[in-house]
Amino acid sequence: MKDLFFFDSMLTPKIITFVYWLMLLAAVASGVTTMFNAYSGGFISGLGILIAGVIGARIWCELLIVLFKIHENLKKIADRNETSEL
């Protein structure tokens, strides 16, 4: 709990996983709705929305996770440099 209150660990990567599942669910729902709705453009449009939504959600979340991994690695390097200077 101390890590959370003093910002020693990041909470956002855990939230990103939850957001990814929400985005995935939204992409699937949107794609399937478009596939079977006569006024939305048809099956091919729905399939495109489904594929693009799933891939786009994954790429966006992976890019966010990469930023946090970079932060973790930089913190390890900084901590290692602090101990070697002492």
PDB file of N, CA and C in Angstrom:
ATOM      1  N   MET A   1       0.822  -1.183   0.000  1.00  0.00           N
ATOM      2  CA  MET A   1       0.000   0.000   0.000  1.00  0.00           C
ATOM      3  C   MET A   1       0.873   1.257   0.000  1.00  0.00           C
ATOM      4  N   LYS A   2       2.029   1.181   0.656  1.00  0.00           N
ATOM      5  CA  LYS A   2       2.946   2.314   0.709  1.00  0.00           C
ATOM      6  C   LYS A   2       3.420   2.699  -0.689  1.00  0.00           C
ATOM      7  N   ASP A   3       3.686   1.681  -1.534  1.00  0.00           N
ATOM      8  CA  ASP A   3       4.129   1.955  -2.901  1.00  0.00           C
ATOM      9  C   ASP A   3       3.105   2.769  -3.674  1.00  0.00           C
ATOM     10  N   LEU A   4       1.846   2.499  -3.426  1.00  0.00           N
ATOM     11  CA  LEU A   4       0.772   3.191  -4.127  1.00  0.00           C
ATOM     12  C   LEU A   4       0.663   4.646  -3.682  1.00  0.00           C
ATOM     13  N   PHE A   5       0.773   4.889  -2.381  1.00  0.00           N
ATOM     14  CA  PHE A   5       0.611   6.238  -1.868  1.00  0.00           C
ATOM     15  C   PHE A   5       1.813   7.142  -2.143  1.00  0.00           C
ATOM     16  N   PHE A   6       2.999   6.554  -2.268  1.00  0.00           N
ATOM     17  CA  PHE A   6       4.192   7.364  -2.488  1.00  0.00           C
ATOM     18  C   PHE A   6       4.715   7.258  -3.911  1.00  0.00           C
ATOM     19  N   PHE A   7       3.907   6.741  -4.827  1.00  0.00           N
ATOM     20  CA  PHE A   7       4.222   6.648  -6.250  1.00  0.00           C
ATOM     21  C   PHE A   7       5.488   5.849  -6.531  1.00  0.00           C
ATOM     22  N   ASP A   8       5.766   4.828  -5.716  1.00  0.00           N
ATOM     23  CA  ASP A   8       6.896   3.955  -5.974  1.00  0.00           C
ATOM     24  C   ASP A   8       6.564   2.906  -7.035  1.00  0.00           C
ATOM     25  N   SER A   9       5.302   2.602  -7.183  1.00  0.00           N
ATOM     26  CA  SER A   9       4.884   1.691  -8.254  1.00  0.00           C
ATOM     27  C   SER A   9       3.786   2.358  -9.066  1.00  0.00           C
ATOM     28  N   MET A  10       3.669   1.935 -10.306  1.00  0.00           N
ATOM     29  CA  MET A  10       2.706   2.544 -11.216  1.00  0.00           C
ATOM     30  C   MET A  10       1.380   1.781 -11.189  1.00  0.00           C
ATOM     31  N   LEU A  11       0.302   2.507 -11.107  1.00  0.00           N
ATOM     32  CA  LEU A  11      -1.030   1.931 -11.120  1.00  0.00           C
ATOM     33  C   LEU A  11      -1.587   1.845 -12.540  1.00  0.00           C
ATOM     34  N   THR A  12      -1.161   2.748 -13.403  1.00  0.00           N
ATOM     35  CA  THR A  12      -1.721   2.855 -14.740  1.00  0.00           C
ATOM     36  C   THR A  12      -1.569   1.601 -15.585  1.00  0.00           C
ATOM     37  N   PRO A  13      -0.456   0.865 -15.552  1.00  0.00           N
ATOM     38  CA  PRO A  13      -0.394  -0.361 -16.365  1.00  0.00           C
ATOM     39  C   PRO A  13      -1.498  -1.359 -16.032  1.00  0.00           C
ATOM     40  N   LYS A  14      -1.912  -1.410 -14.801  1.00  0.00           N
ATOM     41  CA  LYS A  14      -3.017  -2.303 -14.429  1.00  0.00           C
ATOM     42  C   LYS A  14      -4.334  -1.797 -15.012  1.00  0.00           C
ATOM     43  N   ILE A  15      -4.485  -0.499 -15.049  1.00  0.00           N
ATOM     44  CA  ILE A  15      -5.692   0.101 -15.605  1.00  0.00           C
ATOM     45  C   ILE A  15      -5.731  -0.086 -17.119  1.00  0.00           C
ATOM     46  N   ILE A  16      -4.568  -0.018 -17.768  1.00  0.00           N
ATOM     47  CA  ILE A  16      -4.501  -0.173 -19.226  1.00  0.00           C
ATOM     48  C   ILE A  16      -5.027  -1.539 -19.645  1.00  0.00           C
ATOM     49  N   THR A  17      -4.761  -2.576 -18.871  1.00  0.00           N
ATOM     50  CA  THR A  17      -5.282  -3.907 -19.186  1.00  0.00           C
ATOM     51  C   THR A  17      -6.804  -3.903 -19.166  1.00  0.00           C
ATOM     52  N   PHE A  18      -7.387  -3.264 -18.172  1.00  0.00           N
ATOM     53  CA  PHE A  18      -8.842  -3.165 -18.085  1.00  0.00           C
ATOM     54  C   PHE A  18      -9.400  -2.358 -19.260  1.00  0.00           C
ATOM     55  N   VAL A  19      -8.747  -1.252 -19.591  1.00  0.00           N
ATOM     56  CA  VAL A  19      -9.188  -0.411 -20.712  1.00  0.00           C
ATOM     57  C   VAL A  19      -9.093  -1.189 -22.023  1.00  0.00           C
ATOM     58  N   TYR A  20      -8.058  -2.017 -22.173  1.00  0.00           N
ATOM     59  CA  TYR A  20      -7.918  -2.828 -23.381  1.00  0.00           C
ATOM     60  C   TYR A  20      -9.125  -3.747 -23.551  1.00  0.00           C
ATOM     61  N   TRP A  21      -9.540  -4.417 -22.478  1.00  0.00           N
ATOM     62  CA  TRP A  21     -10.688  -5.320 -22.581  1.00  0.00           C
ATOM     63  C   TRP A  21     -11.962  -4.562 -22.890  1.00  0.00           C
ATOM     64  N   LEU A  22     -12.113  -3.359 -22.349  1.00  0.00           N
ATOM     65  CA  LEU A  22     -13.278  -2.540 -22.691  1.00  0.00           C
ATOM     66  C   LEU A  22     -13.261  -2.132 -24.161  1.00  0.00           C
ATOM     67  N   MET A  23     -12.105  -1.730 -24.664  1.00  0.00           N
ATOM     68  CA  MET A  23     -11.979  -1.348 -26.065  1.00  0.00           C
ATOM     69  C   MET A  23     -12.224  -2.538 -26.980  1.00  0.00           C
ATOM     70  N   LEU A  24     -11.736  -3.704 -26.582  1.00  0.00           N
ATOM     71  CA  LEU A  24     -11.945  -4.918 -27.362  1.00  0.00           C
ATOM     72  C   LEU A  24     -13.435  -5.251 -27.433  1.00  0.00           C
ATOM     73  N   LEU A  25     -14.102  -5.168 -26.315  1.00  0.00           N
ATOM     74  CA  LEU A  25     -15.538  -5.432 -26.278  1.00  0.00           C
ATOM     75  C   LEU A  25     -16.302  -4.425 -27.142  1.00  0.00           C
ATOM     76  N   ALA A  26     -15.921  -3.157 -27.070  1.00  0.00           N
ATOM     77  CA  ALA A  26     -16.574  -2.126 -27.881  1.00  0.00           C
ATOM     78  C   ALA A  26     -16.345  -2.359 -29.371  1.00  0.00           C
ATOM     79  N   ALA A  27     -15.123  -2.745 -29.754  1.00  0.00           N
ATOM     80  CA  ALA A  27     -14.826  -3.002 -31.159  1.00  0.00           C
ATOM     81  C   ALA A  27     -15.631  -4.182 -31.687  1.00  0.00           C
ATOM     82  N   VAL A  28     -15.725  -5.238 -30.901  1.00  0.00           N
ATOM     83  CA  VAL A  28     -16.489  -6.414 -31.322  1.00  0.00           C
ATOM     84  C   VAL A  28     -17.974  -6.072 -31.422  1.00  0.00           C
ATOM     85  N   ALA A  29     -18.503  -5.386 -30.435  1.00  0.00           N
ATOM     86  CA  ALA A  29     -19.921  -5.015 -30.458  1.00  0.00           C
ATOM     87  C   ALA A  29     -20.226  -4.104 -31.645  1.00  0.00           C
ATOM     88  N   SER A  30     -19.354  -3.137 -31.886  1.00  0.00           N
ATOM     89  CA  SER A  30     -19.559  -2.215 -33.000  1.00  0.00           C
ATOM     90  C   SER A  30     -19.483  -2.937 -34.342  1.00  0.00           C
ATOM     91  N   GLY A  31     -18.497  -3.810 -34.484  1.00  0.00           N
ATOM     92  CA  GLY A  31     -18.345  -4.546 -35.735  1.00  0.00           C
ATOM     93  C   GLY A  31     -19.509  -5.479 -36.007  1.00  0.00           C
ATOM     94  N   VAL A  32     -19.936  -6.220 -35.004  1.00  0.00           N
ATOM     95  CA  VAL A  32     -21.046  -7.165 -35.179  1.00  0.00           C
ATOM     96  C   VAL A  32     -22.347  -6.410 -35.440  1.00  0.00           C
ATOM     97  N   THR A  33     -22.562  -5.288 -34.753  1.00  0.00           N
ATOM     98  CA  THR A  33     -23.765  -4.485 -34.984  1.00  0.00           C
ATOM     99  C   THR A  33     -23.792  -3.959 -36.413  1.00  0.00           C
ATOM    100  N   THR A  34     -22.662  -3.485 -36.898  1.00  0.00           N
ATOM    101  CA  THR A  34     -22.597  -2.974 -38.261  1.00  0.00           C
ATOM    102  C   THR A  34     -22.789  -4.092 -39.282  1.00  0.00           C
ATOM    103  N   MET A  35     -22.256  -5.275 -38.999  1.00  0.00           N
ATOM    104  CA  MET A  35     -22.401  -6.409 -39.925  1.00  0.00           C
ATOM    105  C   MET A  35     -23.866  -6.757 -40.173  1.00  0.00           C
ATOM    106  N   PHE A  36     -24.667  -6.727 -39.133  1.00  0.00           N
ATOM    107  CA  PHE A  36     -26.038  -7.212 -39.243  1.00  0.00           C
ATOM    108  C   PHE A  36     -27.084  -6.106 -39.248  1.00  0.00           C
ATOM    109  N   ASN A  37     -26.642  -4.870 -39.416  1.00  0.00           N
ATOM    110  CA  ASN A  37     -27.566  -3.748 -39.517  1.00  0.00           C
ATOM    111  C   ASN A  37     -27.686  -3.367 -40.989  1.00  0.00           C
ATOM    112  N   ALA A  38     -28.877  -3.347 -41.510  1.00  0.00           N
ATOM    113  CA  ALA A  38     -29.089  -3.092 -42.934  1.00  0.00           C
ATOM    114  C   ALA A  38     -28.769  -1.651 -43.324  1.00  0.00           C
ATOM    115  N   TYR A  39     -28.785  -0.721 -42.386  1.00  0.00           N
ATOM    116  CA  TYR A  39     -28.592   0.691 -42.708  1.00  0.00           C
ATOM    117  C   TYR A  39     -27.162   1.175 -42.497  1.00  0.00           C
ATOM    118  N   SER A  40     -26.262   0.333 -42.031  1.00  0.00           N
ATOM    119  CA  SER A  40     -24.925   0.784 -41.646  1.00  0.00           C
ATOM    120  C   SER A  40     -23.852   0.552 -42.698  1.00  0.00           C
ATOM    121  N   GLY A  41     -24.098  -0.164 -43.714  1.00  0.00           N
ATOM    122  CA  GLY A  41     -23.065  -0.360 -44.719  1.00  0.00           C
ATOM    123  C   GLY A  41     -22.781  -1.809 -45.014  1.00  0.00           C
ATOM    124  N   GLY A  42     -23.298  -2.704 -44.265  1.00  0.00           N
ATOM    125  CA  GLY A  42     -23.205  -4.102 -44.618  1.00  0.00           C
ATOM    126  C   GLY A  42     -22.144  -4.901 -43.888  1.00  0.00           C
ATOM    127  N   PHE A  43     -22.058  -6.133 -44.346  1.00  0.00           N
ATOM    128  CA  PHE A  43     -21.196  -7.123 -43.697  1.00  0.00           C
ATOM    129  C   PHE A  43     -19.715  -6.775 -43.820  1.00  0.00           C
ATOM    130  N   ILE A  44     -19.295  -6.330 -44.991  1.00  0.00           N
ATOM    131  CA  ILE A  44     -17.871  -6.021 -45.214  1.00  0.00           C
ATOM    132  C   ILE A  44     -17.428  -4.845 -44.350  1.00  0.00           C
ATOM    133  N   SER A  45     -18.260  -3.825 -44.230  1.00  0.00           N
ATOM    134  CA  SER A  45     -17.921  -2.681 -43.370  1.00  0.00           C
ATOM    135  C   SER A  45     -17.803  -3.115 -41.912  1.00  0.00           C
ATOM    136  N   GLY A  46     -18.718  -3.943 -41.480  1.00  0.00           N
ATOM    137  CA  GLY A  46     -18.675  -4.441 -40.104  1.00  0.00           C
ATOM    138  C   GLY A  46     -17.444  -5.272 -39.838  1.00  0.00           C
ATOM    139  N   LEU A  47     -17.073  -6.094 -40.818  1.00  0.00           N
ATOM    140  CA  LEU A  47     -15.862  -6.896 -40.684  1.00  0.00           C
ATOM    141  C   LEU A  47     -14.618  -6.008 -40.614  1.00  0.00           C
ATOM    142  N   GLY A  48     -14.606  -4.951 -41.419  1.00  0.00           N
ATOM    143  CA  GLY A  48     -13.491  -3.997 -41.378  1.00  0.00           C
ATOM    144  C   GLY A  48     -13.393  -3.287 -40.045  1.00  0.00           C
ATOM    145  N   ILE A  49     -14.543  -2.876 -39.515  1.00  0.00           N
ATOM    146  CA  ILE A  49     -14.566  -2.225 -38.197  1.00  0.00           C
ATOM    147  C   ILE A  49     -14.086  -3.190 -37.126  1.00  0.00           C
ATOM    148  N   LEU A  50     -14.529  -4.426 -37.214  1.00  0.00           N
ATOM    149  CA  LEU A  50     -14.128  -5.438 -36.235  1.00  0.00           C
ATOM    150  C   LEU A  50     -12.622  -5.662 -36.253  1.00  0.00           C
ATOM    151  N   ILE A  51     -12.057  -5.882 -37.416  1.00  0.00           N
ATOM    152  CA  ILE A  51     -10.616  -6.157 -37.531  1.00  0.00           C
ATOM    153  C   ILE A  51      -9.792  -4.927 -37.153  1.00  0.00           C
ATOM    154  N   ALA A  52     -10.154  -3.766 -37.701  1.00  0.00           N
ATOM    155  CA  ALA A  52      -9.399  -2.540 -37.404  1.00  0.00           C
ATOM    156  C   ALA A  52      -9.512  -2.160 -35.924  1.00  0.00           C
ATOM    157  N   GLY A  53     -10.681  -2.352 -35.345  1.00  0.00           N
ATOM    158  CA  GLY A  53     -10.869  -2.013 -33.936  1.00  0.00           C
ATOM    159  C   GLY A  53     -10.046  -2.880 -33.008  1.00  0.00           C
ATOM    160  N   VAL A  54     -10.031  -4.185 -33.283  1.00  0.00           N
ATOM    161  CA  VAL A  54      -9.266  -5.109 -32.441  1.00  0.00           C
ATOM    162  C   VAL A  54      -7.767  -4.823 -32.563  1.00  0.00           C
ATOM    163  N   ILE A  55      -7.288  -4.652 -33.790  1.00  0.00           N
ATOM    164  CA  ILE A  55      -5.854  -4.381 -33.997  1.00  0.00           C
ATOM    165  C   ILE A  55      -5.482  -3.011 -33.444  1.00  0.00           C
ATOM    166  N   GLY A  56      -6.331  -2.010 -33.680  1.00  0.00           N
ATOM    167  CA  GLY A  56      -6.050  -0.658 -33.186  1.00  0.00           C
ATOM    168  C   GLY A  56      -6.004  -0.589 -31.667  1.00  0.00           C
ATOM    169  N   ALA A  57      -6.928  -1.278 -31.009  1.00  0.00           N
ATOM    170  CA  ALA A  57      -6.941  -1.284 -29.542  1.00  0.00           C
ATOM    171  C   ALA A  57      -5.665  -1.931 -29.007  1.00  0.00           C
ATOM    172  N   ARG A  58      -5.263  -3.025 -29.618  1.00  0.00           N
ATOM    173  CA  ARG A  58      -4.055  -3.722 -29.163  1.00  0.00           C
ATOM    174  C   ARG A  58      -2.815  -2.851 -29.343  1.00  0.00           C
ATOM    175  N   ILE A  59      -2.680  -2.228 -30.506  1.00  0.00           N
ATOM    176  CA  ILE A  59      -1.510  -1.380 -30.772  1.00  0.00           C
ATOM    177  C   ILE A  59      -1.472  -0.201 -29.810  1.00  0.00           C
ATOM    178  N   TRP A  60      -2.604   0.464 -29.601  1.00  0.00           N
ATOM    179  CA  TRP A  60      -2.639   1.623 -28.727  1.00  0.00           C
ATOM    180  C   TRP A  60      -2.244   1.249 -27.293  1.00  0.00           C
ATOM    181  N   CYS A  61      -2.781   0.144 -26.794  1.00  0.00           N
ATOM    182  CA  CYS A  61      -2.459  -0.279 -25.430  1.00  0.00           C
ATOM    183  C   CYS A  61      -1.002  -0.740 -25.313  1.00  0.00           C
ATOM    184  N   GLU A  62      -0.491  -1.418 -26.338  1.00  0.00           N
ATOM    185  CA  GLU A  62       0.913  -1.829 -26.300  1.00  0.00           C
ATOM    186  C   GLU A  62       1.842  -0.625 -26.276  1.00  0.00           C
ATOM    187  N   LEU A  63       1.513   0.419 -27.031  1.00  0.00           N
ATOM    188  CA  LEU A  63       2.351   1.626 -27.018  1.00  0.00           C
ATOM    189  C   LEU A  63       2.353   2.277 -25.636  1.00  0.00           C
ATOM    190  N   LEU A  64       1.216   2.290 -24.981  1.00  0.00           N
ATOM    191  CA  LEU A  64       1.172   2.840 -23.619  1.00  0.00           C
ATOM    192  C   LEU A  64       2.004   1.989 -22.656  1.00  0.00           C
ATOM    193  N   ILE A  65       1.907   0.684 -22.768  1.00  0.00           N
ATOM    194  CA  ILE A  65       2.684  -0.204 -21.897  1.00  0.00           C
ATOM    195  C   ILE A  65       4.181  -0.012 -22.149  1.00  0.00           C
ATOM    196  N   VAL A  66       4.577   0.189 -23.404  1.00  0.00           N
ATOM    197  CA  VAL A  66       5.994   0.418 -23.718  1.00  0.00           C
ATOM    198  C   VAL A  66       6.510   1.644 -22.986  1.00  0.00           C
ATOM    199  N   LEU A  67       5.706   2.702 -22.914  1.00  0.00           N
ATOM    200  CA  LEU A  67       6.134   3.893 -22.187  1.00  0.00           C
ATOM    201  C   LEU A  67       6.405   3.587 -20.715  1.00  0.00           C
ATOM    202  N   PHE A  68       5.567   2.774 -20.114  1.00  0.00           N
ATOM    203  CA  PHE A  68       5.769   2.430 -18.709  1.00  0.00           C
ATOM    204  C   PHE A  68       6.955   1.477 -18.526  1.00  0.00           C
ATOM    205  N   LYS A  69       7.203   0.603 -19.485  1.00  0.00           N
ATOM    206  CA  LYS A  69       8.380  -0.275 -19.417  1.00  0.00           C
ATOM    207  C   LYS A  69       9.660   0.551 -19.524  1.00  0.00           C
ATOM    208  N   ILE A  70       9.643   1.570 -20.379  1.00  0.00           N
ATOM    209  CA  ILE A  70      10.799   2.465 -20.488  1.00  0.00           C
ATOM    210  C   ILE A  70      11.039   3.152 -19.146  1.00  0.00           C
ATOM    211  N   HIS A  71       9.975   3.598 -18.502  1.00  0.00           N
ATOM    212  CA  HIS A  71      10.105   4.236 -17.187  1.00  0.00           C
ATOM    213  C   HIS A  71      10.715   3.274 -16.170  1.00  0.00           C
ATOM    214  N   GLU A  72      10.230   2.026 -16.147  1.00  0.00           N
ATOM    215  CA  GLU A  72      10.762   1.041 -15.198  1.00  0.00           C
ATOM    216  C   GLU A  72      12.246   0.799 -15.431  1.00  0.00           C
ATOM    217  N   ASN A  73      12.649   0.672 -16.679  1.00  0.00           N
ATOM    218  CA  ASN A  73      14.056   0.415 -16.982  1.00  0.00           C
ATOM    219  C   ASN A  73      14.933   1.614 -16.642  1.00  0.00           C
ATOM    220  N   LEU A  74      14.447   2.813 -16.909  1.00  0.00           N
ATOM    221  CA  LEU A  74      15.215   4.005 -16.542  1.00  0.00           C
ATOM    222  C   LEU A  74      15.354   4.129 -15.030  1.00  0.00           C
ATOM    223  N   LYS A  75      14.310   3.746 -14.301  1.00  0.00           N
ATOM    224  CA  LYS A  75      14.375   3.778 -12.843  1.00  0.00           C
ATOM    225  C   LYS A  75      15.407   2.782 -12.329  1.00  0.00           C
ATOM    226  N   LYS A  76      15.469   1.592 -12.931  1.00  0.00           N
ATOM    227  CA  LYS A  76      16.468   0.599 -12.534  1.00  0.00           C
ATOM    228  C   LYS A  76      17.878   1.117 -12.789  1.00  0.00           C
ATOM    229  N   ILE A  77      18.079   1.754 -13.938  1.00  0.00           N
ATOM    230  CA  ILE A  77      19.395   2.311 -14.258  1.00  0.00           C
ATOM    231  C   ILE A  77      19.766   3.407 -13.270  1.00  0.00           C
ATOM    232  N   ALA A  78      18.815   4.282 -12.943  1.00  0.00           N
ATOM    233  CA  ALA A  78      19.080   5.367 -11.993  1.00  0.00           C
ATOM    234  C   ALA A  78      19.386   4.815 -10.607  1.00  0.00           C
ATOM    235  N   ASP A  79      18.642   3.797 -10.179  1.00  0.00           N
ATOM    236  CA  ASP A  79      18.893   3.204  -8.884  1.00  0.00           C
ATOM    237  C   ASP A  79      20.263   2.514  -8.838  1.00  0.00           C
ATOM    238  N   ARG A  80      20.631   1.868  -9.918  1.00  0.00           N
ATOM    239  CA  ARG A  80      21.933   1.209  -9.986  1.00  0.00           C
ATOM    240  C   ARG A  80      23.062   2.239  -9.948  1.00  0.00           C
ATOM    241  N   ASN A  81      22.873   3.375 -10.615  1.00  0.00           N
ATOM    242  CA  ASN A  81      23.881   4.431 -10.606  1.00  0.00           C
ATOM    243  C   ASN A  81      23.996   5.082  -9.237  1.00  0.00           C
ATOM    244  N   GLU A  82      22.876   5.191  -8.507  1.00  0.00           N
ATOM    245  CA  GLU A  82      22.921   5.765  -7.173  1.00  0.00           C
ATOM    246  C   GLU A  82      23.725   4.887  -6.226  1.00  0.00           C
ATOM    247  N   THR A  83      23.527   3.573  -6.317  1.00  0.00           N
ATOM    248  CA  THR A  83      24.248   2.679  -5.417  1.00  0.00           C
ATOM    249  C   THR A  83      25.717   2.575  -5.772  1.00  0.00           C
ATOM    250  N   SER A  84      26.056   2.722  -7.042  1.00  0.00           N
ATOM    251  CA  SER A  84      27.472   2.625  -7.417  1.00  0.00           C
ATOM    252  C   SER A  84      28.233   3.894  -7.060  1.00  0.00           C
ATOM    253  N   GLU A  85      27.551   5.035  -6.963  1.00  0.00           N
ATOM    254  CA  GLU A  85      28.204   6.295  -6.600  1.00  0.00           C
ATOM    255  C   GLU A  85      28.498   6.368  -5.099  1.00  0.00           C
ATOM    256  N   LEU A  86      27.726   5.626  -4.314  1.00  0.00           N
ATOM    257  CA  LEU A  86      27.907   5.682  -2.868  1.00  0.00           C
ATOM    258  C   LEU A  86      29.089   4.902  -2.491  1.00  0.00           C
TER     259      LEU A  86
END
